[in-house]
Amino acid sequence: MPKAIAQAQTFLKAQLLGSEDLAAAEKIFVPKGHVFYVTEVAPDRHQHLWLKLASPLTASDGATKLQEVYAYEPHVTVEGRPGEPPVTGVIKLAVP
């Protein structure tokens, strides 16, 4: 199952809008270093990824659960995408 890691504090969003334009029920705050799992990943427009979360997360309003969200790709790294070779360790390249 692909694992997502927040590289910076960010928001997962229900819509492709700026986080300041979304209601608290439409965004999830994710601190830097937070790890969560996804079942599906697809690139979207404006440097965003569409993610289907393995388990719904609670939105900033404290009540709403979101499972399909958008993440700003420079802020989130997804490991283990389908078709991607597994990460097995450090690879040292012979580069002068």
PDB file of N, CA and C in Angstrom:
ATOM      1  N   MET A   1       0.856  -1.173   0.000  1.00  0.00           N
ATOM      2  CA  MET A   1       0.000   0.000   0.000  1.00  0.00           C
ATOM      3  C   MET A   1       0.901   1.236   0.000  1.00  0.00           C
ATOM      4  N   PRO A   2       0.658   2.182  -0.897  1.00  0.00           N
ATOM      5  CA  PRO A   2       1.495   3.386  -0.940  1.00  0.00           C
ATOM      6  C   PRO A   2       1.425   4.192   0.364  1.00  0.00           C
ATOM      7  N   LYS A   3       2.590   4.714   0.735  1.00  0.00           N
ATOM      8  CA  LYS A   3       2.714   5.514   1.951  1.00  0.00           C
ATOM      9  C   LYS A   3       3.012   6.949   1.555  1.00  0.00           C
ATOM     10  N   ALA A   4       2.280   7.900   2.141  1.00  0.00           N
ATOM     11  CA  ALA A   4       2.501   9.319   1.885  1.00  0.00           C
ATOM     12  C   ALA A   4       3.151   9.951   3.108  1.00  0.00           C
ATOM     13  N   ILE A   5       4.117  10.833   2.853  1.00  0.00           N
ATOM     14  CA  ILE A   5       4.838  11.513   3.924  1.00  0.00           C
ATOM     15  C   ILE A   5       4.809  13.004   3.646  1.00  0.00           C
ATOM     16  N   ALA A   6       4.387  13.784   4.634  1.00  0.00           N
ATOM     17  CA  ALA A   6       4.362  15.239   4.496  1.00  0.00           C
ATOM     18  C   ALA A   6       5.789  15.772   4.629  1.00  0.00           C
ATOM     19  N   GLN A   7       6.295  16.416   3.593  1.00  0.00           N
ATOM     20  CA  GLN A   7       7.636  16.992   3.605  1.00  0.00           C
ATOM     21  C   GLN A   7       7.639  18.405   4.194  1.00  0.00           C
ATOM     22  N   ALA A   8       6.461  18.982   4.332  1.00  0.00           N
ATOM     23  CA  ALA A   8       6.272  20.318   4.919  1.00  0.00           C
ATOM     24  C   ALA A   8       4.878  20.333   5.512  1.00  0.00           C
ATOM     25  N   GLN A   9       4.619  21.259   6.439  1.00  0.00           N
ATOM     26  CA  GLN A   9       3.243  21.339   6.928  1.00  0.00           C
ATOM     27  C   GLN A   9       2.374  21.810   5.768  1.00  0.00           C
ATOM     28  N   THR A  10       1.221  21.171   5.632  1.00  0.00           N
ATOM     29  CA  THR A  10       0.382  21.410   4.469  1.00  0.00           C
ATOM     30  C   THR A  10      -1.065  21.060   4.786  1.00  0.00           C
ATOM     31  N   PHE A  11      -1.915  21.234   3.796  1.00  0.00           N
ATOM     32  CA  PHE A  11      -3.316  20.836   3.910  1.00  0.00           C
ATOM     33  C   PHE A  11      -3.633  19.816   2.836  1.00  0.00           C
ATOM     34  N   LEU A  12      -4.423  18.807   3.182  1.00  0.00           N
ATOM     35  CA  LEU A  12      -5.068  17.934   2.208  1.00  0.00           C
ATOM     36  C   LEU A  12      -6.422  18.570   1.976  1.00  0.00           C
ATOM     37  N   LYS A  13      -6.812  18.724   0.710  1.00  0.00           N
ATOM     38  CA  LYS A  13      -7.997  19.522   0.397  1.00  0.00           C
ATOM     39  C   LYS A  13      -9.038  18.725  -0.378  1.00  0.00           C
ATOM     40  N   ALA A  14     -10.296  19.019  -0.103  1.00  0.00           N
ATOM     41  CA  ALA A  14     -11.396  18.363  -0.794  1.00  0.00           C
ATOM     42  C   ALA A  14     -11.559  18.893  -2.216  1.00  0.00           C
ATOM     43  N   GLN A  15     -11.086  20.111  -2.464  1.00  0.00           N
ATOM     44  CA  GLN A  15     -11.186  20.737  -3.787  1.00  0.00           C
ATOM     45  C   GLN A  15      -9.852  21.380  -4.136  1.00  0.00           C
ATOM     46  N   LEU A  16      -9.626  21.586  -5.430  1.00  0.00           N
ATOM     47  CA  LEU A  16      -8.406  22.244  -5.877  1.00  0.00           C
ATOM     48  C   LEU A  16      -8.558  23.761  -5.786  1.00  0.00           C
ATOM     49  N   LEU A  17      -8.576  24.251  -4.568  1.00  0.00           N
ATOM     50  CA  LEU A  17      -8.619  25.678  -4.283  1.00  0.00           C
ATOM     51  C   LEU A  17      -7.543  25.960  -3.252  1.00  0.00           C
ATOM     52  N   GLY A  18      -7.195  27.221  -3.079  1.00  0.00           N
ATOM     53  CA  GLY A  18      -6.271  27.578  -2.013  1.00  0.00           C
ATOM     54  C   GLY A  18      -6.891  27.235  -0.665  1.00  0.00           C
ATOM     55  N   SER A  19      -6.077  26.820   0.275  1.00  0.00           N
ATOM     56  CA  SER A  19      -6.614  26.412   1.580  1.00  0.00           C
ATOM     57  C   SER A  19      -7.368  27.540   2.271  1.00  0.00           C
ATOM     58  N   GLU A  20      -6.974  28.791   2.020  1.00  0.00           N
ATOM     59  CA  GLU A  20      -7.683  29.925   2.627  1.00  0.00           C
ATOM     60  C   GLU A  20      -9.085  30.111   2.032  1.00  0.00           C
ATOM     61  N   ASP A  21      -9.339  29.520   0.867  1.00  0.00           N
ATOM     62  CA  ASP A  21     -10.648  29.628   0.222  1.00  0.00           C
ATOM     63  C   ASP A  21     -11.579  28.470   0.585  1.00  0.00           C
ATOM     64  N   LEU A  22     -11.108  27.530   1.385  1.00  0.00           N
ATOM     65  CA  LEU A  22     -11.908  26.362   1.753  1.00  0.00           C
ATOM     66  C   LEU A  22     -12.428  26.488   3.183  1.00  0.00           C
ATOM     67  N   ALA A  23     -13.588  25.924   3.410  1.00  0.00           N
ATOM     68  CA  ALA A  23     -14.138  25.854   4.768  1.00  0.00           C
ATOM     69  C   ALA A  23     -13.343  24.828   5.568  1.00  0.00           C
ATOM     70  N   ALA A  24     -13.428  24.905   6.878  1.00  0.00           N
ATOM     71  CA  ALA A  24     -12.711  23.966   7.748  1.00  0.00           C
ATOM     72  C   ALA A  24     -13.111  22.516   7.471  1.00  0.00           C
ATOM     73  N   ALA A  25     -14.333  22.293   7.012  1.00  0.00           N
ATOM     74  CA  ALA A  25     -14.810  20.937   6.708  1.00  0.00           C
ATOM     75  C   ALA A  25     -14.235  20.407   5.390  1.00  0.00           C
ATOM     76  N   GLU A  26     -13.510  21.252   4.643  1.00  0.00           N
ATOM     77  CA  GLU A  26     -12.983  20.858   3.339  1.00  0.00           C
ATOM     78  C   GLU A  26     -11.462  20.720   3.312  1.00  0.00           C
ATOM     79  N   LYS A  27     -10.818  20.757   4.475  1.00  0.00           N
ATOM     80  CA  LYS A  27      -9.361  20.642   4.498  1.00  0.00           C
ATOM     81  C   LYS A  27      -8.901  19.945   5.775  1.00  0.00           C
ATOM     82  N   ILE A  28      -7.746  19.281   5.645  1.00  0.00           N
ATOM     83  CA  ILE A  28      -7.141  18.554   6.747  1.00  0.00           C
ATOM     84  C   ILE A  28      -5.727  19.102   6.924  1.00  0.00           C
ATOM     85  N   PHE A  29      -5.404  19.612   8.105  1.00  0.00           N
ATOM     86  CA  PHE A  29      -4.043  20.073   8.368  1.00  0.00           C
ATOM     87  C   PHE A  29      -3.152  18.864   8.608  1.00  0.00           C
ATOM     88  N   VAL A  30      -1.986  18.844   7.944  1.00  0.00           N
ATOM     89  CA  VAL A  30      -1.032  17.748   8.085  1.00  0.00           C
ATOM     90  C   VAL A  30       0.318  18.360   8.471  1.00  0.00           C
ATOM     91  N   PRO A  31       0.833  18.021   9.661  1.00  0.00           N
ATOM     92  CA  PRO A  31       2.137  18.559  10.064  1.00  0.00           C
ATOM     93  C   PRO A  31       3.286  17.885   9.310  1.00  0.00           C
ATOM     94  N   LYS A  32       4.409  18.571   9.240  1.00  0.00           N
ATOM     95  CA  LYS A  32       5.600  18.016   8.586  1.00  0.00           C
ATOM     96  C   LYS A  32       5.974  16.700   9.260  1.00  0.00           C
ATOM     97  N   GLY A  33       6.279  15.685   8.438  1.00  0.00           N
ATOM     98  CA  GLY A  33       6.675  14.379   8.938  1.00  0.00           C
ATOM     99  C   GLY A  33       5.528  13.403   9.147  1.00  0.00           C
ATOM    100  N   HIS A  34       4.286  13.877   9.031  1.00  0.00           N
ATOM    101  CA  HIS A  34       3.131  12.992   9.229  1.00  0.00           C
ATOM    102  C   HIS A  34       3.096  11.935   8.126  1.00  0.00           C
ATOM    103  N   VAL A  35       2.831  10.703   8.495  1.00  0.00           N
ATOM    104  CA  VAL A  35       2.759   9.581   7.552  1.00  0.00           C
ATOM    105  C   VAL A  35       1.324   9.080   7.510  1.00  0.00           C
ATOM    106  N   PHE A  36       0.810   8.853   6.304  1.00  0.00           N
ATOM    107  CA  PHE A  36      -0.515   8.282   6.138  1.00  0.00           C
ATOM    108  C   PHE A  36      -0.495   7.403   4.899  1.00  0.00           C
ATOM    109  N   TYR A  37      -1.463   6.520   4.804  1.00  0.00           N
ATOM    110  CA  TYR A  37      -1.482   5.547   3.707  1.00  0.00           C
ATOM    111  C   TYR A  37      -2.612   5.847   2.735  1.00  0.00           C
ATOM    112  N   VAL A  38      -2.351   5.534   1.468  1.00  0.00           N
ATOM    113  CA  VAL A  38      -3.328   5.776   0.409  1.00  0.00           C
ATOM    114  C   VAL A  38      -3.537   4.498  -0.385  1.00  0.00           C
ATOM    115  N   THR A  39      -4.723   4.358  -0.961  1.00  0.00           N
ATOM    116  CA  THR A  39      -4.991   3.189  -1.796  1.00  0.00           C
ATOM    117  C   THR A  39      -4.881   3.523  -3.279  1.00  0.00           C
ATOM    118  N   GLU A  40      -5.059   4.804  -3.616  1.00  0.00           N
ATOM    119  CA  GLU A  40      -4.960   5.234  -5.009  1.00  0.00           C
ATOM    120  C   GLU A  40      -4.272   6.594  -5.066  1.00  0.00           C
ATOM    121  N   VAL A  41      -3.493   6.794  -6.135  1.00  0.00           N
ATOM    122  CA  VAL A  41      -2.770   8.048  -6.351  1.00  0.00           C
ATOM    123  C   VAL A  41      -2.848   8.374  -7.834  1.00  0.00           C
ATOM    124  N   ALA A  42      -3.102   9.631  -8.152  1.00  0.00           N
ATOM    125  CA  ALA A  42      -3.101  10.049  -9.558  1.00  0.00           C
ATOM    126  C   ALA A  42      -2.629  11.501  -9.635  1.00  0.00           C
ATOM    127  N   PRO A  43      -1.812  11.820 -10.630  1.00  0.00           N
ATOM    128  CA  PRO A  43      -1.420  13.216 -10.797  1.00  0.00           C
ATOM    129  C   PRO A  43      -2.621  14.047 -11.220  1.00  0.00           C
ATOM    130  N   ASP A  44      -2.643  15.284 -10.791  1.00  0.00           N
ATOM    131  CA  ASP A  44      -3.711  16.204 -11.173  1.00  0.00           C
ATOM    132  C   ASP A  44      -3.063  17.500 -11.629  1.00  0.00           C
ATOM    133  N   ARG A  45      -3.843  18.506 -11.866  1.00  0.00           N
ATOM    134  CA  ARG A  45      -3.321  19.768 -12.388  1.00  0.00           C
ATOM    135  C   ARG A  45      -2.718  20.639 -11.289  1.00  0.00           C
ATOM    136  N   HIS A  46      -1.949  21.617 -11.717  1.00  0.00           N
ATOM    137  CA  HIS A  46      -1.352  22.622 -10.825  1.00  0.00           C
ATOM    138  C   HIS A  46      -0.476  22.002  -9.735  1.00  0.00           C
ATOM    139  N   GLN A  47       0.339  21.019 -10.099  1.00  0.00           N
ATOM    140  CA  GLN A  47       1.270  20.351  -9.186  1.00  0.00           C
ATOM    141  C   GLN A  47       0.581  19.677  -8.004  1.00  0.00           C
ATOM    142  N   HIS A  48      -0.602  19.156  -8.213  1.00  0.00           N
ATOM    143  CA  HIS A  48      -1.323  18.459  -7.153  1.00  0.00           C
ATOM    144  C   HIS A  48      -1.457  16.979  -7.482  1.00  0.00           C
ATOM    145  N   LEU A  49      -1.633  16.190  -6.434  1.00  0.00           N
ATOM    146  CA  LEU A  49      -1.934  14.769  -6.549  1.00  0.00           C
ATOM    147  C   LEU A  49      -3.340  14.540  -6.016  1.00  0.00           C
ATOM    148  N   TRP A  50      -4.069  13.655  -6.672  1.00  0.00           N
ATOM    149  CA  TRP A  50      -5.345  13.199  -6.129  1.00  0.00           C
ATOM    150  C   TRP A  50      -5.036  11.945  -5.331  1.00  0.00           C
ATOM    151  N   LEU A  51      -5.508  11.885  -4.096  1.00  0.00           N
ATOM    152  CA  LEU A  51      -5.240  10.748  -3.223  1.00  0.00           C
ATOM    153  C   LEU A  51      -6.541  10.172  -2.682  1.00  0.00           C
ATOM    154  N   LYS A  52      -6.629   8.861  -2.648  1.00  0.00           N
ATOM    155  CA  LYS A  52      -7.718   8.192  -1.937  1.00  0.00           C
ATOM    156  C   LYS A  52      -7.078   7.604  -0.686  1.00  0.00           C
ATOM    157  N   LEU A  53      -7.444   8.134   0.462  1.00  0.00           N
ATOM    158  CA  LEU A  53      -6.854   7.718   1.720  1.00  0.00           C
ATOM    159  C   LEU A  53      -7.313   6.318   2.105  1.00  0.00           C
ATOM    160  N   ALA A  54      -6.411   5.538   2.689  1.00  0.00           N
ATOM    161  CA  ALA A  54      -6.756   4.192   3.131  1.00  0.00           C
ATOM    162  C   ALA A  54      -7.802   4.249   4.240  1.00  0.00           C
ATOM    163  N   SER A  55      -7.704   5.245   5.101  1.00  0.00           N
ATOM    164  CA  SER A  55      -8.684   5.488   6.166  1.00  0.00           C
ATOM    165  C   SER A  55      -9.026   6.967   6.141  1.00  0.00           C
ATOM    166  N   PRO A  56     -10.297   7.317   6.240  1.00  0.00           N
ATOM    167  CA  PRO A  56     -10.663   8.733   6.235  1.00  0.00           C
ATOM    168  C   PRO A  56      -9.995   9.472   7.398  1.00  0.00           C
ATOM    169  N   LEU A  57      -9.606  10.717   7.139  1.00  0.00           N
ATOM    170  CA  LEU A  57      -9.035  11.567   8.173  1.00  0.00           C
ATOM    171  C   LEU A  57     -10.029  12.669   8.525  1.00  0.00           C
ATOM    172  N   THR A  58      -9.952  13.155   9.750  1.00  0.00           N
ATOM    173  CA  THR A  58     -10.863  14.193  10.223  1.00  0.00           C
ATOM    174  C   THR A  58     -10.410  15.554   9.724  1.00  0.00           C
ATOM    175  N   ALA A  59     -11.351  16.299   9.164  1.00  0.00           N
ATOM    176  CA  ALA A  59     -11.080  17.641   8.642  1.00  0.00           C
ATOM    177  C   ALA A  59     -10.842  18.611   9.795  1.00  0.00           C
ATOM    178  N   SER A  60     -10.420  19.817   9.464  1.00  0.00           N
ATOM    179  CA  SER A  60     -10.100  20.839  10.456  1.00  0.00           C
ATOM    180  C   SER A  60     -11.284  21.259  11.306  1.00  0.00           C
ATOM    181  N   ASP A  61     -12.513  20.953  10.872  1.00  0.00           N
ATOM    182  CA  ASP A  61     -13.684  21.303  11.679  1.00  0.00           C
ATOM    183  C   ASP A  61     -13.886  20.334  12.845  1.00  0.00           C
ATOM    184  N   GLY A  62     -13.121  19.224  12.871  1.00  0.00           N
ATOM    185  CA  GLY A  62     -13.188  18.266  13.956  1.00  0.00           C
ATOM    186  C   GLY A  62     -14.311  17.244  13.841  1.00  0.00           C
ATOM    187  N   ALA A  63     -15.124  17.334  12.808  1.00  0.00           N
ATOM    188  CA  ALA A  63     -16.264  16.423  12.674  1.00  0.00           C
ATOM    189  C   ALA A  63     -16.299  15.707  11.324  1.00  0.00           C
ATOM    190  N   THR A  64     -16.016  16.413  10.255  1.00  0.00           N
ATOM    191  CA  THR A  64     -16.114  15.865   8.902  1.00  0.00           C
ATOM    192  C   THR A  64     -14.954  14.923   8.621  1.00  0.00           C
ATOM    193  N   LYS A  65     -15.246  13.802   7.978  1.00  0.00           N
ATOM    194  CA  LYS A  65     -14.220  12.835   7.557  1.00  0.00           C
ATOM    195  C   LYS A  65     -14.055  12.945   6.041  1.00  0.00           C
ATOM    196  N   LEU A  66     -12.819  13.032   5.588  1.00  0.00           N
ATOM    197  CA  LEU A  66     -12.526  13.102   4.157  1.00  0.00           C
ATOM    198  C   LEU A  66     -11.690  11.896   3.759  1.00  0.00           C
ATOM    199  N   GLN A  67     -12.013  11.307   2.614  1.00  0.00           N
ATOM    200  CA  GLN A  67     -11.236  10.162   2.121  1.00  0.00           C
ATOM    201  C   GLN A  67     -10.600  10.441   0.764  1.00  0.00           C
ATOM    202  N   GLU A  68     -11.224  11.269  -0.073  1.00  0.00           N
ATOM    203  CA  GLU A  68     -10.639  11.635  -1.357  1.00  0.00           C
ATOM    204  C   GLU A  68     -10.208  13.085  -1.271  1.00  0.00           C
ATOM    205  N   VAL A  69      -8.889  13.306  -1.437  1.00  0.00           N
ATOM    206  CA  VAL A  69      -8.326  14.631  -1.225  1.00  0.00           C
ATOM    207  C   VAL A  69      -7.289  14.952  -2.293  1.00  0.00           C
ATOM    208  N   TYR A  70      -6.910  16.224  -2.335  1.00  0.00           N
ATOM    209  CA  TYR A  70      -5.826  16.702  -3.187  1.00  0.00           C
ATOM    210  C   TYR A  70      -4.690  17.156  -2.286  1.00  0.00           C
ATOM    211  N   ALA A  71      -3.455  16.882  -2.718  1.00  0.00           N
ATOM    212  CA  ALA A  71      -2.267  17.305  -1.976  1.00  0.00           C
ATOM    213  C   ALA A  71      -1.335  18.023  -2.933  1.00  0.00           C
ATOM    214  N   TYR A  72      -0.703  19.074  -2.462  1.00  0.00           N
ATOM    215  CA  TYR A  72       0.286  19.803  -3.256  1.00  0.00           C
ATOM    216  C   TYR A  72       1.541  18.935  -3.337  1.00  0.00           C
ATOM    217  N   GLU A  73       1.889  18.503  -4.548  1.00  0.00           N
ATOM    218  CA  GLU A  73       2.941  17.499  -4.724  1.00  0.00           C
ATOM    219  C   GLU A  73       4.293  17.878  -4.119  1.00  0.00           C
ATOM    220  N   PRO A  74       4.758  19.135  -4.196  1.00  0.00           N
ATOM    221  CA  PRO A  74       6.035  19.439  -3.538  1.00  0.00           C
ATOM    222  C   PRO A  74       6.009  19.266  -2.015  1.00  0.00           C
ATOM    223  N   HIS A  75       4.830  19.229  -1.406  1.00  0.00           N
ATOM    224  CA  HIS A  75       4.725  19.088   0.050  1.00  0.00           C
ATOM    225  C   HIS A  75       4.514  17.645   0.502  1.00  0.00           C
ATOM    226  N   VAL A  76       4.206  16.737  -0.422  1.00  0.00           N
ATOM    227  CA  VAL A  76       3.904  15.350  -0.058  1.00  0.00           C
ATOM    228  C   VAL A  76       4.670  14.397  -0.970  1.00  0.00           C
ATOM    229  N   THR A  77       5.328  13.421  -0.373  1.00  0.00           N
ATOM    230  CA  THR A  77       6.019  12.373  -1.123  1.00  0.00           C
ATOM    231  C   THR A  77       5.229  11.083  -0.956  1.00  0.00           C
ATOM    232  N   VAL A  78       5.002  10.379  -2.072  1.00  0.00           N
ATOM    233  CA  VAL A  78       4.292   9.100  -2.008  1.00  0.00           C
ATOM    234  C   VAL A  78       5.272   8.007  -2.405  1.00  0.00           C
ATOM    235  N   GLU A  79       5.462   7.054  -1.500  1.00  0.00           N
ATOM    236  CA  GLU A  79       6.350   5.918  -1.755  1.00  0.00           C
ATOM    237  C   GLU A  79       5.513   4.686  -2.050  1.00  0.00           C
ATOM    238  N   GLY A  80       5.997   3.863  -2.974  1.00  0.00           N
ATOM    239  CA  GLY A  80       5.328   2.601  -3.269  1.00  0.00           C
ATOM    240  C   GLY A  80       4.144   2.738  -4.196  1.00  0.00           C
ATOM    241  N   ARG A  81       4.222   3.693  -5.125  1.00  0.00           N
ATOM    242  CA  ARG A  81       3.145   3.832  -6.109  1.00  0.00           C
ATOM    243  C   ARG A  81       3.122   2.601  -7.006  1.00  0.00           C
ATOM    244  N   PRO A  82       1.934   2.213  -7.491  1.00  0.00           N
ATOM    245  CA  PRO A  82       1.867   1.076  -8.423  1.00  0.00           C
ATOM    246  C   PRO A  82       2.770   1.321  -9.630  1.00  0.00           C
ATOM    247  N   GLY A  83       3.538   0.308 -10.008  1.00  0.00           N
ATOM    248  CA  GLY A  83       4.437   0.423 -11.143  1.00  0.00           C
ATOM    249  C   GLY A  83       5.791   0.999 -10.779  1.00  0.00           C
ATOM    250  N   GLU A  84       5.948   1.444  -9.539  1.00  0.00           N
ATOM    251  CA  GLU A  84       7.208   2.014  -9.087  1.00  0.00           C
ATOM    252  C   GLU A  84       8.004   0.911  -8.384  1.00  0.00           C
ATOM    253  N   PRO A  85       9.288   0.792  -8.661  1.00  0.00           N
ATOM    254  CA  PRO A  85      10.057  -0.259  -7.984  1.00  0.00           C
ATOM    255  C   PRO A  85      10.129   0.027  -6.488  1.00  0.00           C
ATOM    256  N   PRO A  86      10.132  -1.012  -5.661  1.00  0.00           N
ATOM    257  CA  PRO A  86      10.207  -0.793  -4.222  1.00  0.00           C
ATOM    258  C   PRO A  86      11.542  -0.186  -3.814  1.00  0.00           C
ATOM    259  N   VAL A  87      11.536   0.623  -2.769  1.00  0.00           N
ATOM    260  CA  VAL A  87      12.755   1.205  -2.239  1.00  0.00           C
ATOM    261  C   VAL A  87      13.400   0.148  -1.352  1.00  0.00           C
ATOM    262  N   THR A  88      14.632  -0.240  -1.685  1.00  0.00           N
ATOM    263  CA  THR A  88      15.283  -1.314  -0.952  1.00  0.00           C
ATOM    264  C   THR A  88      16.484  -0.846  -0.143  1.00  0.00           C
ATOM    265  N   GLY A  89      16.925   0.363  -0.318  1.00  0.00           N
ATOM    266  CA  GLY A  89      18.088   0.851   0.424  1.00  0.00           C
ATOM    267  C   GLY A  89      18.854   1.886  -0.376  1.00  0.00           C
ATOM    268  N   VAL A  90      20.003   2.238   0.101  1.00  0.00           N
ATOM    269  CA  VAL A  90      20.815   3.258  -0.531  1.00  0.00           C
ATOM    270  C   VAL A  90      21.525   2.675  -1.755  1.00  0.00           C
ATOM    271  N   ILE A  91      21.512   3.426  -2.826  1.00  0.00           N
ATOM    272  CA  ILE A  91      22.209   3.021  -4.041  1.00  0.00           C
ATOM    273  C   ILE A  91      23.356   4.010  -4.234  1.00  0.00           C
ATOM    274  N   LYS A  92      24.588   3.534  -4.202  1.00  0.00           N
ATOM    275  CA  LYS A  92      25.740   4.395  -4.388  1.00  0.00           C
ATOM    276  C   LYS A  92      26.115   4.382  -5.863  1.00  0.00           C
ATOM    277  N   LEU A  93      26.156   5.569  -6.440  1.00  0.00           N
ATOM    278  CA  LEU A  93      26.517   5.698  -7.848  1.00  0.00           C
ATOM    279  C   LEU A  93      27.973   6.083  -7.980  1.00  0.00           C
ATOM    280  N   ALA A  94      28.635   5.558  -8.992  1.00  0.00           N
ATOM    281  CA  ALA A  94      30.047   5.876  -9.246  1.00  0.00           C
ATOM    282  C   ALA A  94      30.114   7.166 -10.052  1.00  0.00           C
ATOM    283  N   VAL A  95      29.887   8.275  -9.380  1.00  0.00           N
ATOM    284  CA  VAL A  95      29.911   9.582 -10.047  1.00  0.00           C
ATOM    285  C   VAL A  95      31.118  10.355  -9.549  1.00  0.00           C
ATOM    286  N   PRO A  96      31.959  10.837 -10.446  1.00  0.00           N
ATOM    287  CA  PRO A  96      33.157  11.572  -9.996  1.00  0.00           C
ATOM    288  C   PRO A  96      32.784  12.927  -9.411  1.00  0.00           C
TER     289      PRO A  96
END
